[in-house]
Amino acid sequence: MKKVILSIIFCCAGIAQANSVCDQPKDDFDSLYCLNKVYQEADKELNGNYKKLSAKLDADGKSALKSGQLMWMDNRNTTCSKRAPEGFFVNLKCATKTTIERSQFLQDRVRECASSGCQNSKL
């Protein structure tokens, strides 16, 4: 029984230590790791909201949504990344912020479709 309890304590301590890396990153690589996790979650949420909204739209709405999404992606890429002779750079903080904003926009359109009907003019 003592071994089980000790195992649980060590396991929980390991989880707490893993989470604390993002609370107090030691260096830029820790910060990048943590911000990337946030970006991935924001991107996952964005894709879910896109699918939810697309399912509620008629053909014209789907076309407008796709067009708007492609324009948003181009803008995100232009604003949040750059190519240089020494490499390709992505500002993950910018990409995360714009992704969260776009996800919220899509979520608002889903809510709008449910309450007052889908308005293709807002896509």
Protein backbone atom coordinates (compact mmCIF):
# COMPACT_ATOMS: atom_id res chain seq x y z
CA MET A 1 0.00 0.00 0.00
CA LYS A 2 2.85 2.38 0.85
CA LYS A 3 4.41 1.72 -2.58
CA VAL A 4 1.15 2.61 -4.31
CA ILE A 5 0.83 5.84 -2.34
CA LEU A 6 4.45 6.75 -3.04
CA SER A 7 3.96 6.02 -6.73
CA ILE A 8 0.92 8.31 -6.84
CA ILE A 9 2.83 11.07 -5.03
CA PHE A 10 5.79 10.82 -7.43
CA CYS A 11 3.46 10.71 -10.41
CA CYS A 12 1.59 13.82 -9.26
CA ALA A 13 4.86 15.58 -8.48
CA GLY A 14 6.01 14.81 -12.04
CA ILE A 15 2.81 16.28 -13.50
CA ALA A 16 3.12 19.37 -11.32
CA GLN A 17 6.74 19.78 -12.41
CA ALA A 18 5.79 19.42 -16.09
CA ASN A 19 3.09 22.08 -15.73
CA SER A 20 5.43 24.44 -13.87
CA VAL A 21 7.71 24.58 -16.93
CA CYS A 22 5.08 26.77 -18.56
CA ASP A 23 4.53 28.80 -15.37
CA GLN A 24 8.18 29.77 -15.24
CA PRO A 25 10.01 28.88 -18.47
CA LYS A 26 13.76 28.57 -17.99
CA ASP A 27 14.69 29.79 -21.45
CA ASP A 28 13.35 30.70 -24.89
CA PHE A 29 12.95 27.06 -25.87
CA ASP A 30 10.69 26.38 -22.88
CA SER A 31 8.67 29.46 -23.80
CA LEU A 32 8.41 28.30 -27.40
CA TYR A 33 7.29 24.85 -26.28
CA CYS A 34 4.56 26.30 -24.06
CA LEU A 35 3.35 28.85 -26.59
CA ASN A 36 3.24 26.15 -29.25
CA LYS A 37 0.95 24.08 -27.02
CA VAL A 38 -1.39 27.07 -26.71
CA TYR A 39 -1.27 27.68 -30.47
CA GLN A 40 -2.09 24.04 -31.23
CA GLU A 41 -5.11 24.17 -28.93
CA ALA A 42 -6.28 27.45 -30.50
CA ASP A 43 -5.89 25.96 -33.98
CA LYS A 44 -7.85 22.87 -32.95
CA GLU A 45 -10.65 25.08 -31.62
CA LEU A 46 -10.60 27.17 -34.80
CA ASN A 47 -10.98 24.07 -36.97
CA GLY A 48 -13.87 22.84 -34.82
CA ASN A 49 -15.66 26.19 -35.07
CA TYR A 50 -15.09 26.26 -38.83
CA LYS A 51 -16.67 22.81 -39.21
CA LYS A 52 -19.62 23.72 -36.97
CA LEU A 53 -20.30 26.87 -38.95
CA SER A 54 -19.84 25.23 -42.34
CA ALA A 55 -22.40 22.57 -41.42
CA LYS A 56 -25.03 25.28 -40.84
CA LEU A 57 -24.47 27.18 -44.10
CA ASP A 58 -26.01 26.90 -47.55
CA ALA A 59 -23.77 26.60 -50.65
CA ASP A 60 -23.27 30.38 -50.97
CA GLY A 61 -22.44 30.64 -47.29
CA LYS A 62 -19.91 27.81 -47.51
CA SER A 63 -18.26 29.52 -50.46
CA ALA A 64 -18.11 32.84 -48.59
CA LEU A 65 -16.76 31.11 -45.48
CA LYS A 66 -14.01 29.36 -47.45
CA SER A 67 -13.05 32.57 -49.23
CA GLY A 68 -12.94 34.48 -45.95
CA GLN A 69 -10.89 31.75 -44.30
CA LEU A 70 -8.33 31.76 -47.11
CA MET A 71 -8.04 35.56 -46.90
CA TRP A 72 -7.63 35.30 -43.12
CA MET A 73 -4.89 32.68 -43.54
CA ASP A 74 -3.01 34.86 -46.03
CA ASN A 75 -3.27 37.82 -43.65
CA ARG A 76 -2.13 35.73 -40.67
CA ASN A 77 0.84 34.41 -42.64
CA THR A 78 1.83 37.88 -43.87
CA THR A 79 1.43 39.46 -40.44
CA CYS A 80 2.90 36.71 -38.27
CA SER A 81 5.73 35.24 -40.34
CA LYS A 82 8.59 36.22 -42.60
CA ARG A 83 11.25 34.68 -44.78
CA ALA A 84 14.81 35.85 -44.51
CA PRO A 85 18.12 34.58 -45.91
CA GLU A 86 18.90 33.01 -42.54
CA GLY A 87 15.57 31.17 -42.28
CA PHE A 88 11.81 31.24 -41.95
CA PHE A 89 10.41 32.92 -38.84
CA VAL A 90 6.99 32.62 -37.24
CA ASN A 91 5.87 34.91 -34.46
CA LEU A 92 3.92 32.35 -32.48
CA LYS A 93 2.45 34.93 -30.13
CA CYS A 94 1.00 36.78 -33.14
CA ALA A 95 -0.21 33.55 -34.77
CA THR A 96 -1.87 32.44 -31.54
CA LYS A 97 -3.56 35.80 -30.99
CA THR A 98 -4.93 35.99 -34.54
CA THR A 99 -6.05 32.35 -34.43
CA ILE A 100 -7.95 32.91 -31.18
CA GLU A 101 -9.56 36.03 -32.65
CA ARG A 102 -10.63 34.18 -35.81
CA SER A 103 -11.94 31.26 -33.76
CA GLN A 104 -14.04 33.68 -31.70
CA PHE A 105 -15.36 35.27 -34.90
CA LEU A 106 -16.41 31.86 -36.22
CA GLN A 107 -17.98 30.93 -32.88
CA ASP A 108 -19.96 34.18 -32.96
CA ARG A 109 -21.27 33.29 -36.44
CA VAL A 110 -22.31 29.82 -35.19
CA ARG A 111 -24.21 31.45 -32.32
CA GLU A 112 -25.78 33.89 -34.75
CA CYS A 113 -26.93 31.06 -37.03
CA ALA A 114 -28.59 29.36 -34.08
CA SER A 115 -30.34 32.47 -32.80
CA SER A 116 -31.33 34.62 -35.78
CA GLY A 117 -30.26 32.66 -38.84
CA CYS A 118 -27.04 32.56 -40.81
CA GLN A 119 -26.09 35.81 -42.47
CA ASN A 120 -23.78 35.11 -45.40
CA SER A 121 -22.98 38.84 -45.64
CA LYS A 122 -21.04 38.60 -42.34
CA LEU A 123 -18.80 35.77 -43.48
